[in-house]
Protein backbone atom coordinates (compact mmCIF):
# COMPACT_ATOMS: atom_id res chain seq x y z
CA UNK A 1 49.06 -53.03 -135.60
CA UNK A 2 50.09 -54.78 -132.18
CA UNK A 3 46.78 -54.85 -131.13
CA UNK A 4 45.91 -56.63 -134.22
CA UNK A 5 48.31 -59.17 -133.53
CA UNK A 6 47.36 -59.88 -130.16
CA UNK A 7 43.73 -60.16 -131.28
CA UNK A 8 45.21 -62.76 -133.77
CA UNK A 9 47.18 -64.82 -130.82
CA UNK A 10 44.00 -64.70 -128.40
CA UNK A 11 42.09 -66.42 -131.08
CA UNK A 12 44.84 -68.82 -132.68
CA UNK A 13 44.72 -72.22 -130.97
CA UNK A 14 48.22 -71.97 -128.92
CA UNK A 15 47.20 -72.74 -125.09
CA UNK A 16 49.08 -71.56 -122.74
CA UNK A 17 49.55 -75.00 -120.63
CA UNK A 18 51.35 -76.84 -123.54
CA UNK A 19 54.91 -77.76 -123.35
CA UNK A 20 55.94 -75.48 -126.32
CA UNK A 21 53.78 -72.78 -125.57
CA UNK A 22 56.06 -70.06 -125.72
CA UNK A 23 57.75 -71.30 -129.16
CA UNK A 24 53.99 -72.01 -131.10
CA UNK A 25 52.86 -68.33 -129.87
CA UNK A 26 56.12 -67.08 -130.79
CA UNK A 27 56.25 -68.30 -134.25
CA UNK A 28 52.64 -67.43 -134.48
CA UNK A 29 53.22 -63.81 -133.78
CA UNK A 30 56.54 -63.45 -136.40
CA UNK A 31 54.15 -65.02 -138.99
CA UNK A 32 51.80 -62.29 -137.67
CA UNK A 33 54.14 -59.54 -137.87
CA UNK A 34 55.18 -60.81 -141.19
CA UNK A 35 51.71 -60.63 -142.83
CA UNK A 36 50.90 -57.16 -141.50
CA UNK A 37 53.97 -56.01 -143.06
CA UNK A 38 53.65 -57.61 -146.10
CA UNK A 39 50.54 -56.22 -146.19
CA UNK A 40 52.17 -52.25 -146.02
CA UNK A 41 53.08 -51.01 -149.15
CA UNK A 42 55.50 -48.61 -147.50
CA UNK A 43 57.41 -51.54 -146.11
CA UNK A 44 59.38 -54.01 -148.33
CA UNK A 45 58.93 -57.35 -146.48
CA UNK A 46 58.04 -60.15 -149.48
CA UNK A 47 57.43 -63.43 -148.73
CA UNK A 48 60.44 -64.79 -149.48
CA UNK A 49 62.22 -62.59 -146.13
CA UNK A 50 59.62 -63.96 -144.46
CA UNK A 51 60.79 -67.61 -144.96
CA UNK A 52 64.07 -66.42 -144.13
CA UNK A 53 63.11 -64.99 -140.99
CA UNK A 54 60.96 -68.16 -140.35
CA UNK A 55 64.13 -70.37 -141.22
CA UNK A 56 66.43 -68.18 -138.84
CA UNK A 57 63.86 -68.85 -135.95
CA UNK A 58 64.37 -72.81 -136.51
CA UNK A 59 67.88 -72.68 -135.77
CA UNK A 60 68.69 -74.39 -132.72
CA UNK A 61 70.66 -71.44 -131.60
CA UNK A 62 68.39 -68.91 -131.92
CA UNK A 63 65.41 -71.28 -130.05
CA UNK A 64 67.64 -71.71 -127.37
CA UNK A 65 68.13 -67.89 -126.87
CA UNK A 66 64.76 -67.04 -127.47
CA UNK A 67 63.64 -69.50 -124.71
CA UNK A 68 66.23 -67.93 -122.55
CA UNK A 69 65.19 -64.72 -122.80
CA UNK A 70 61.42 -65.75 -122.07
CA UNK A 71 62.62 -67.70 -119.38
CA UNK A 72 64.48 -64.40 -117.85
CA UNK A 73 61.09 -62.70 -118.17
CA UNK A 74 58.92 -65.12 -116.34
CA UNK A 75 61.68 -64.95 -113.55
CA UNK A 76 61.15 -61.00 -113.58
CA UNK A 77 57.51 -61.06 -113.50
CA UNK A 78 57.57 -63.74 -110.45
CA UNK A 79 59.87 -62.23 -108.59
CA UNK A 80 58.34 -58.81 -109.01
CA UNK A 81 54.57 -60.25 -108.00
CA UNK A 82 56.16 -62.00 -105.08
CA UNK A 83 58.15 -59.61 -103.43
CA UNK A 84 61.22 -61.37 -103.13
CA UNK A 85 63.63 -59.00 -104.57
CA UNK A 86 66.43 -57.07 -102.99
CA UNK A 87 66.75 -53.89 -102.67
CA UNK A 88 69.70 -53.28 -105.28
CA UNK A 89 68.29 -56.22 -107.64
CA UNK A 90 65.01 -54.67 -107.35
CA UNK A 91 65.69 -50.94 -108.72
CA UNK A 92 67.30 -53.09 -111.93
CA UNK A 93 64.07 -54.97 -111.97
CA UNK A 94 62.00 -52.26 -111.90
CA UNK A 95 63.49 -50.28 -114.28
CA UNK A 96 63.95 -52.98 -116.98
CA UNK A 97 60.14 -53.74 -116.12
CA UNK A 98 58.78 -50.07 -116.39
CA UNK A 99 61.10 -50.01 -119.68
CA UNK A 100 59.05 -52.73 -120.94
CA UNK A 101 55.83 -51.54 -119.76
CA UNK A 102 56.30 -48.14 -121.55
CA UNK A 103 57.10 -50.01 -125.08
CA UNK A 104 53.98 -51.85 -124.13
CA UNK A 105 52.20 -48.58 -123.97
CA UNK A 106 53.62 -47.02 -127.11
CA UNK A 107 52.98 -50.26 -129.54
CA UNK A 108 49.62 -50.38 -127.83
CA UNK A 109 49.98 -53.61 -126.02
CA UNK A 110 47.17 -54.89 -123.74
CA UNK A 111 46.03 -57.81 -121.75
CA UNK A 112 47.68 -60.95 -120.57
CA UNK A 113 51.57 -60.11 -119.10
CA UNK A 114 53.09 -63.74 -121.09
CA UNK A 115 51.30 -62.61 -124.58
CA UNK A 116 52.39 -58.78 -124.42
CA UNK A 117 55.95 -60.03 -124.22
CA UNK A 118 55.96 -62.78 -127.10
CA UNK A 119 54.10 -60.15 -129.01
CA UNK A 120 56.43 -57.45 -128.33
CA UNK A 121 59.43 -59.96 -128.29
CA UNK A 122 58.23 -61.02 -131.92
CA UNK A 123 58.13 -57.83 -133.03
CA UNK A 124 62.02 -56.71 -132.10
CA UNK A 125 62.63 -60.12 -133.27
CA UNK A 126 61.57 -59.36 -136.95
CA UNK A 127 62.27 -55.40 -136.82
CA UNK A 128 66.27 -56.71 -136.36
CA UNK A 129 66.26 -59.21 -139.30
CA UNK A 130 64.52 -56.84 -141.52
CA UNK A 131 66.76 -54.09 -140.77
CA UNK A 132 69.76 -56.68 -141.26
CA UNK A 133 68.25 -57.72 -144.90
CA UNK A 134 68.12 -54.28 -145.68
CA UNK A 135 71.85 -53.36 -144.63
CA UNK A 136 72.90 -56.72 -146.46
CA UNK A 137 70.95 -56.19 -149.56
CA UNK A 138 73.36 -55.40 -152.34
CA UNK A 139 72.61 -52.04 -153.81
CA UNK A 140 73.09 -51.34 -157.73
CA UNK A 141 75.22 -48.56 -158.55
CA UNK A 142 74.50 -46.07 -161.50
CA UNK A 143 77.65 -47.11 -162.86
CA UNK A 144 76.66 -50.99 -162.53
CA UNK A 145 73.95 -50.03 -164.81
CA UNK A 146 76.01 -47.91 -167.54
CA UNK A 147 77.92 -51.02 -167.73
CA UNK A 148 75.51 -53.33 -168.39
CA UNK A 149 74.02 -51.01 -171.02
CA UNK A 150 77.49 -50.76 -172.92
CA UNK A 151 77.86 -54.60 -172.62
CA UNK A 152 74.17 -55.39 -174.06
CA UNK A 153 74.83 -52.70 -176.97
CA UNK A 154 78.24 -54.12 -177.76
CA UNK A 155 77.30 -57.45 -177.69
CA UNK A 156 73.77 -56.61 -180.29
CA UNK A 157 76.38 -54.90 -182.54
CA UNK A 158 78.66 -57.85 -183.00
CA UNK A 159 77.96 -59.99 -185.50
CA UNK A 160 77.96 -64.29 -184.75
CA UNK A 161 79.53 -66.71 -186.78
CA UNK A 162 78.18 -69.82 -187.83
CA UNK A 163 79.36 -72.61 -185.70
CA UNK A 164 79.27 -76.13 -186.44
CA UNK A 165 77.96 -77.52 -182.66
CA UNK A 166 79.74 -80.87 -181.99
CA UNK A 167 77.76 -84.24 -181.67
CA UNK A 168 77.21 -84.64 -177.90
CA UNK A 169 76.65 -87.61 -176.12
CA UNK A 170 72.73 -88.22 -174.67
CA UNK A 171 72.70 -86.71 -170.96
CA UNK A 172 72.48 -89.15 -168.03
CA UNK A 173 69.22 -90.32 -166.71
CA UNK A 174 68.47 -88.69 -163.08
CA UNK A 175 68.55 -91.44 -160.14
CA UNK A 176 65.51 -90.60 -158.61
CA UNK A 177 66.08 -90.19 -154.34
CA UNK A 178 63.98 -90.71 -151.19
CA UNK A 179 63.62 -87.58 -149.17
CA UNK A 180 63.31 -88.39 -145.65
CA UNK A 181 61.86 -85.61 -143.24
CA UNK A 182 61.72 -85.90 -139.27
CA UNK A 183 58.89 -84.48 -138.56
CA UNK A 184 57.83 -84.02 -134.07
CA UNK A 185 54.37 -85.90 -133.32
CA UNK A 186 53.22 -82.40 -131.72
CA UNK A 187 53.12 -81.01 -135.53
CA UNK A 188 51.72 -83.94 -137.13
CA UNK A 189 48.00 -83.49 -137.47
CA UNK A 190 47.81 -82.86 -141.27
CA UNK A 191 50.07 -86.07 -142.18
CA UNK A 192 46.57 -88.30 -142.20
CA UNK A 193 45.30 -86.11 -144.96
CA UNK A 194 48.79 -86.69 -147.05
CA UNK A 195 48.58 -90.24 -146.61
CA UNK A 196 45.02 -90.46 -148.04
CA UNK A 197 46.18 -88.37 -151.03
CA UNK A 198 49.54 -90.09 -151.29
CA UNK A 199 50.92 -87.15 -153.40
CA UNK A 200 52.24 -83.69 -152.06
CA UNK A 201 49.97 -80.97 -152.96
CA UNK A 202 50.47 -76.95 -152.83
CA UNK A 203 49.02 -77.02 -149.33
CA UNK A 204 51.22 -79.87 -147.92
CA UNK A 205 54.46 -78.28 -148.97
CA UNK A 206 54.02 -75.47 -146.83
CA UNK A 207 52.71 -77.92 -143.85
CA UNK A 208 55.88 -80.22 -144.43
CA UNK A 209 58.44 -76.95 -144.14
CA UNK A 210 56.91 -75.69 -141.08
CA UNK A 211 56.95 -79.04 -139.35
CA UNK A 212 60.15 -80.67 -140.36
CA UNK A 213 63.01 -80.39 -138.03
CA UNK A 214 65.64 -82.46 -139.81
CA UNK A 215 65.94 -84.28 -143.03
CA UNK A 216 68.15 -86.51 -145.28
CA UNK A 217 68.29 -87.51 -149.09
CA UNK A 218 69.18 -91.14 -149.55
CA UNK A 219 69.35 -93.44 -152.59
CA UNK A 220 66.19 -96.08 -152.61
CA UNK A 221 68.46 -98.90 -152.35
CA UNK A 222 69.51 -97.98 -148.87
CA UNK A 223 65.93 -96.87 -147.32
CA UNK A 224 65.71 -100.78 -146.01
CA UNK A 225 68.92 -100.26 -144.09
CA UNK A 226 67.69 -97.01 -142.43
CA UNK A 227 64.78 -98.45 -141.53
CA UNK A 228 65.99 -101.53 -139.78
CA UNK A 229 68.25 -98.91 -137.47
CA UNK A 230 65.41 -97.26 -136.29
CA UNK A 231 62.95 -100.29 -135.70
CA UNK A 232 64.81 -100.56 -131.73
CA UNK A 233 63.04 -97.43 -131.05
CA UNK A 234 59.33 -97.88 -132.31
CA UNK A 235 56.63 -96.77 -130.24
CA UNK A 236 53.51 -98.84 -129.27
CA UNK A 237 50.27 -97.95 -128.45
CA UNK A 238 49.79 -96.30 -124.90
CA UNK A 239 53.54 -95.59 -124.68
CA UNK A 240 53.09 -92.30 -126.53
CA UNK A 241 54.69 -89.42 -125.69
CA UNK A 242 54.84 -85.92 -126.79
CA UNK A 243 58.64 -85.60 -128.16
CA UNK A 244 57.76 -88.70 -130.41
CA UNK A 245 58.53 -88.16 -133.95
CA UNK A 246 57.50 -89.51 -137.26
CA UNK A 247 59.64 -90.29 -140.94
CA UNK A 248 57.93 -89.18 -144.11
CA UNK A 249 59.42 -90.59 -147.26
CA UNK A 250 59.03 -88.51 -150.32
CA UNK A 251 60.19 -89.75 -153.99
CA UNK A 252 61.78 -86.72 -155.67
CA UNK A 253 62.93 -87.26 -159.39
CA UNK A 254 66.45 -86.82 -158.96
CA UNK A 255 68.87 -85.26 -156.36
CA UNK A 256 68.29 -81.25 -155.21
CA UNK A 257 71.32 -80.25 -154.03
CA UNK A 258 68.73 -77.73 -152.09
CA UNK A 259 67.57 -80.42 -150.20
CA UNK A 260 71.32 -81.24 -148.87
CA UNK A 261 72.96 -79.84 -146.10
CA UNK A 262 74.39 -76.32 -145.26
CA UNK A 263 71.54 -74.61 -147.76
CA UNK A 264 70.09 -71.08 -147.25
CA UNK A 265 66.53 -70.56 -146.18
CA UNK A 266 65.40 -69.26 -149.36
CA UNK A 267 66.90 -72.11 -151.38
CA UNK A 268 65.38 -74.81 -148.85
CA UNK A 269 61.94 -73.18 -148.94
CA UNK A 270 61.90 -73.38 -153.10
CA UNK A 271 63.32 -76.79 -152.79
CA UNK A 272 59.97 -77.86 -150.56
CA UNK A 273 58.11 -75.83 -152.78
CA UNK A 274 59.39 -78.36 -155.57
CA UNK A 275 57.90 -81.35 -154.04
CA UNK A 276 54.54 -79.99 -155.27
CA UNK A 277 53.28 -83.37 -157.01
CA UNK A 278 56.26 -85.68 -155.55
CA UNK A 279 54.70 -88.98 -154.73
CA UNK A 280 54.62 -89.82 -151.05
CA UNK A 281 56.30 -93.45 -150.47
CA UNK A 282 55.39 -93.81 -146.75
CA UNK A 283 54.52 -92.41 -143.13
CA UNK A 284 56.25 -94.37 -140.44
CA UNK A 285 54.80 -95.55 -137.23
CA UNK A 286 55.52 -93.36 -134.28
CA UNK A 287 58.90 -93.36 -132.88
CA UNK A 288 60.95 -92.06 -129.62
CA UNK A 289 62.89 -88.80 -130.77
CA UNK A 290 66.16 -90.73 -129.96
CA UNK A 291 65.30 -92.74 -133.42
CA UNK A 292 66.80 -90.00 -135.77
CA UNK A 293 70.17 -89.73 -133.88
CA UNK A 294 70.76 -93.08 -136.24
CA UNK A 295 70.71 -91.78 -139.62
CA UNK A 296 72.45 -89.32 -141.29
CA UNK A 297 69.99 -86.41 -140.78
CA UNK A 298 70.55 -82.58 -140.59
CA UNK A 299 68.73 -79.34 -140.09
CA UNK A 300 66.17 -77.84 -141.68
């Protein structure tokens, strides 16, 4: 399985000289491991669990920790190859290095050291979160099942009297909202197709979820003031930077609580899936990264 993940990572269009190579390659490896585990009928890895793992990966503190571990691994490799380690430090690092190599051998991972480490690290990351999921998953006991059955039987045996329902006033009409997504320029390749279609498709919602860093819901009458705040950060031709961002505005028919702050991964994924057939309002010009700080956005 590990060699299959390595092969997929080698074939993927992830260039080692790009600034976010580790994050891109790490995320790709995690998706590959999850896909392999989903296909294994003996392991209960579901698409929802995969989405939960990818959501965890996007958290700022998790990204910082994984980047720190990657930097430490590179420092060990660099010092080992250059022979700069002192004797007592070298003994510690050599033990760590040989331990990692043993794991490479057990998982049958061969080839480029950076790729080896990323694939192994992704495997450990997925394994730890899968174990946490299993340990935290509530188990339904036989006592609970018996209670459910007795409740069902009791409710079926009761006769329900005719009750005249009160006259209710018609429900309030839902108020449309504007969903604003903050998407890095480096992950914006799919936006041109979305702009041409003018509507979110089944493919688009996944791309939007994967690319979005921040988001917010605003009422349509406040959009104009939001745009005026970010205008000073607009990027003109020839001044582009890799850290630039785009703002994608999508019309949602009513306020969706799963698009609000502090929502768990599964609920957020389902909210993005519900964007299918939602009209695209606009895709902004390119802006500096600082522009998002002027808006009341929150993490994906």
